[in-house]
Amino acid sequence: MKTIDFYFDFSSPYGYLASERIDELAARHGYTVAWHPILLGAVFKITGAVPLIEPRLKGSYYRRDFARSARFHGVPFRLPQPFPVATVAAARAFLWLQDRDARQAHAFAHLCFRAYFVDGLNIAEPEQVLALAERMGVDRGALAGALGGAEIKERLRTEVDGAIARGVCGSPFFIVGDEPFWGVDRLPQLERWLQTGGF
């Protein structure tokens, strides 16, 4: 199967919106989606960027645009507090699950995104992440033990470094072959690319 690489940070509103649309879009054109968690903090150290709501003028615009974009895509959304948050625990949990059951990791990603951007749960807290995974039948103790382990720390570091090496500079970020698309607003271009093989 042809693959779209989908890079996201769990604290990215646009990443959340994309997560609700990308699988369906890909399937329409015979593609599968490979989900890759990243940490925007690591990306920002290289790009010099800051969270979208921090700059004056831009911050108020983005708050409005998050909600408007959610309405446009028909996705429930509530800007959580605090926002943004560190998503190390969620990203590590996703990778740990992915190594064991890709379908379960995929379901966990949706659950985690919705818990933050719909229910307002603070997914920066490892206990919240563990509770979400436990709701899905994951062994809480096994996951808790893994989250602080050297193996999963290195796994996430490798994932983030690999994303940066491919030019991933934000969330959501998609790569088809060698062609990059950044932002949920690029989904129409991405779909045209899949339809035509390039333009």
Protein backbone atom coordinates (compact mmCIF):
# COMPACT_ATOMS: atom_id res chain seq x y z
CA MET A 1 0.00 0.00 0.00
CA LYS A 2 1.09 3.56 -0.68
CA THR A 3 1.70 5.55 2.49
CA ILE A 4 1.25 9.09 3.78
CA ASP A 5 3.50 9.95 6.71
CA PHE A 6 1.55 12.06 9.19
CA TYR A 7 3.54 13.96 11.82
CA PHE A 8 1.71 15.53 14.75
CA ASP A 9 2.09 16.92 18.24
CA PHE A 10 -0.72 16.05 20.66
CA SER A 11 -0.93 19.70 21.76
CA SER A 12 -1.46 21.02 18.21
CA PRO A 13 -5.04 22.13 17.47
CA TYR A 14 -4.44 21.85 13.75
CA GLY A 15 -2.82 18.47 14.30
CA TYR A 16 -6.00 17.39 16.09
CA LEU A 17 -8.19 18.55 13.21
CA ALA A 18 -5.98 16.76 10.71
CA SER A 19 -6.11 13.58 12.79
CA GLU A 20 -9.87 13.51 12.35
CA ARG A 21 -9.62 13.75 8.55
CA ILE A 22 -6.42 12.20 7.25
CA ASP A 23 -7.32 8.49 7.38
CA GLU A 24 -10.54 8.95 5.43
CA LEU A 25 -8.83 11.18 2.88
CA ALA A 26 -6.01 8.68 2.40
CA ALA A 27 -8.34 5.71 2.05
CA ARG A 28 -10.29 7.40 -0.75
CA HIS A 29 -7.14 7.26 -2.85
CA GLY A 30 -5.76 3.89 -1.85
CA TYR A 31 -3.25 5.13 0.72
CA THR A 32 -2.57 4.18 4.30
CA VAL A 33 -1.36 6.60 6.96
CA ALA A 34 1.73 6.14 9.12
CA TRP A 35 1.27 8.19 12.30
CA HIS A 36 4.38 9.78 13.84
CA PRO A 37 4.29 11.77 17.10
CA ILE A 38 6.71 14.68 17.36
CA LEU A 39 7.53 17.27 20.00
CA LEU A 40 7.07 20.81 18.76
CA GLY A 41 9.42 22.09 21.44
CA ALA A 42 12.29 20.27 19.76
CA VAL A 43 11.24 21.62 16.37
CA PHE A 44 10.96 25.18 17.72
CA LYS A 45 14.54 25.04 18.98
CA ILE A 46 15.63 24.70 15.36
CA THR A 47 13.10 26.94 13.64
CA GLY A 48 13.03 29.68 16.29
CA ALA A 49 9.24 29.51 16.35
CA VAL A 50 7.03 29.88 19.42
CA PRO A 51 3.56 28.56 20.25
CA LEU A 52 0.98 30.17 17.97
CA ILE A 53 -0.91 32.01 20.70
CA GLU A 54 2.16 33.75 22.15
CA PRO A 55 2.87 36.56 19.63
CA ARG A 56 0.81 39.72 20.05
CA LEU A 57 -1.91 40.16 17.42
CA LYS A 58 -1.36 36.66 16.08
CA GLY A 59 -2.44 35.02 19.33
CA SER A 60 -5.97 36.40 19.25
CA TYR A 61 -6.25 35.53 15.57
CA TYR A 62 -5.24 31.92 16.11
CA ARG A 63 -7.66 31.49 18.99
CA ARG A 64 -10.44 32.49 16.62
CA ASP A 65 -9.07 30.41 13.77
CA PHE A 66 -8.78 27.22 15.84
CA ALA A 67 -12.51 27.33 16.57
CA ARG A 68 -13.49 28.44 13.06
CA SER A 69 -11.37 25.73 11.45
CA ALA A 70 -12.95 23.12 13.72
CA ARG A 71 -16.41 24.27 12.65
CA PHE A 72 -15.31 24.20 9.00
CA HIS A 73 -14.15 20.60 9.32
CA GLY A 74 -17.15 19.58 11.43
CA VAL A 75 -14.96 18.55 14.36
CA PRO A 76 -15.84 19.25 18.03
CA PHE A 77 -13.35 21.59 19.66
CA ARG A 78 -12.76 23.53 22.85
CA LEU A 79 -9.48 25.33 23.46
CA PRO A 80 -8.16 23.63 26.60
CA GLN A 81 -6.53 25.20 29.61
CA PRO A 82 -3.66 25.03 30.03
CA PHE A 83 -2.61 25.42 26.41
CA PRO A 84 -0.23 24.43 24.99
CA VAL A 85 1.18 21.61 27.11
CA ALA A 86 4.14 19.26 26.96
CA THR A 87 3.15 15.99 25.31
CA VAL A 88 6.11 13.77 26.11
CA ALA A 89 4.04 11.24 28.07
CA ALA A 90 1.36 10.98 25.38
CA ALA A 91 3.94 10.60 22.61
CA ARG A 92 5.86 7.93 24.51
CA ALA A 93 2.64 6.07 25.28
CA PHE A 94 1.64 6.14 21.63
CA LEU A 95 4.98 4.71 20.51
CA TRP A 96 4.93 2.03 23.21
CA LEU A 97 1.46 0.98 22.06
CA GLN A 98 2.41 1.19 18.40
CA ASP A 99 5.24 -1.26 18.92
CA ARG A 100 2.72 -3.75 20.32
CA ASP A 101 -0.54 -3.09 18.49
CA ALA A 102 -0.72 -0.45 15.74
CA ARG A 103 -4.53 -0.41 15.76
CA GLN A 104 -4.65 0.21 19.48
CA ALA A 105 -2.07 3.01 19.17
CA HIS A 106 -4.19 4.61 16.46
CA ALA A 107 -7.28 4.47 18.68
CA PHE A 108 -5.27 5.85 21.60
CA ALA A 109 -4.13 8.82 19.51
CA HIS A 110 -7.74 9.72 18.72
CA LEU A 111 -8.73 9.27 22.36
CA CYS A 112 -5.85 11.43 23.56
CA PHE A 113 -6.51 14.24 21.07
CA ARG A 114 -10.22 14.30 21.92
CA ALA A 115 -9.55 14.14 25.65
CA TYR A 116 -7.49 17.32 25.36
CA PHE A 117 -9.34 19.32 22.71
CA VAL A 118 -12.90 18.31 23.58
CA ASP A 119 -12.90 17.27 27.25
CA GLY A 120 -10.11 19.57 28.43
CA LEU A 121 -8.05 16.89 30.19
CA ASN A 122 -4.46 17.90 30.81
CA ILE A 123 -2.56 15.29 28.85
CA ALA A 124 0.75 16.71 30.07
CA GLU A 125 0.09 14.75 33.25
CA PRO A 126 1.27 11.14 32.97
CA GLU A 127 -1.60 10.03 35.23
CA GLN A 128 -4.12 11.35 32.71
CA VAL A 129 -2.34 9.54 29.88
CA LEU A 130 -2.28 6.31 31.88
CA ALA A 131 -5.96 6.64 32.71
CA LEU A 132 -6.84 7.12 29.03
CA ALA A 133 -4.85 4.05 28.04
CA GLU A 134 -6.39 2.03 30.87
CA ARG A 135 -9.87 2.89 29.54
CA MET A 136 -8.85 1.03 26.39
CA GLY A 137 -7.81 -2.05 28.31
CA VAL A 138 -4.08 -1.31 28.37
CA ASP A 139 -2.15 -2.68 31.34
CA ARG A 140 -1.64 0.51 33.35
CA GLY A 141 1.28 -0.84 35.35
CA ALA A 142 3.17 -2.02 32.28
CA LEU A 143 2.70 1.30 30.52
CA ALA A 144 3.61 3.30 33.61
CA GLY A 145 6.83 1.33 33.93
CA ALA A 146 7.67 1.88 30.28
CA LEU A 147 7.07 5.65 30.18
CA GLY A 148 10.11 6.44 32.30
CA GLY A 149 12.35 3.81 30.76
CA ALA A 150 15.43 4.45 28.67
CA GLU A 151 14.11 2.42 25.74
CA ILE A 152 10.99 4.51 25.10
CA LYS A 153 12.87 7.75 25.73
CA GLU A 154 15.33 6.80 23.00
CA ARG A 155 12.49 5.65 20.75
CA LEU A 156 10.83 9.07 20.92
CA ARG A 157 14.14 10.89 20.50
CA THR A 158 14.84 8.86 17.36
CA GLU A 159 11.34 9.56 16.04
CA VAL A 160 11.70 13.32 16.55
CA ASP A 161 15.21 13.44 15.12
CA GLY A 162 14.05 11.48 12.10
CA ALA A 163 11.17 13.88 11.54
CA ILE A 164 13.45 16.90 11.72
CA ALA A 165 15.88 15.26 9.31
CA ARG A 166 12.99 14.96 6.83
CA GLY A 167 12.22 18.67 7.15
CA VAL A 168 9.20 18.43 9.45
CA CYS A 169 8.77 21.96 10.78
CA GLY A 170 5.32 21.94 12.37
CA SER A 171 2.13 20.04 13.12
CA PRO A 172 0.37 18.64 11.20
CA PHE A 173 2.94 17.74 8.58
CA PHE A 174 2.42 15.21 5.79
CA ILE A 175 4.91 13.62 3.43
CA VAL A 176 3.91 11.69 0.32
CA GLY A 177 6.98 10.21 -1.30
CA ASP A 178 9.31 13.17 -1.09
CA GLU A 179 6.59 15.84 -1.23
CA PRO A 180 5.91 17.73 2.04
CA PHE A 181 2.66 19.44 3.04
CA TRP A 182 2.45 21.53 6.21
CA GLY A 183 -0.83 22.41 7.88
CA VAL A 184 -4.41 21.23 7.99
CA ASP A 185 -5.18 23.90 5.39
CA ARG A 186 -3.02 21.93 2.95
CA LEU A 187 -5.36 18.93 2.96
CA PRO A 188 -7.01 20.04 -0.32
CA GLN A 189 -3.59 20.28 -1.98
CA LEU A 190 -2.62 16.92 -0.52
CA GLU A 191 -5.78 15.35 -1.89
CA ARG A 192 -5.17 16.84 -5.34
CA TRP A 193 -1.64 15.44 -5.22
CA LEU A 194 -2.98 11.98 -4.44
CA GLN A 195 -5.54 12.26 -7.23
CA THR A 196 -3.14 13.40 -9.93
CA GLY A 197 0.23 12.07 -8.84
CA GLY A 198 1.59 15.61 -8.62
CA PHE A 199 1.01 19.07 -10.05
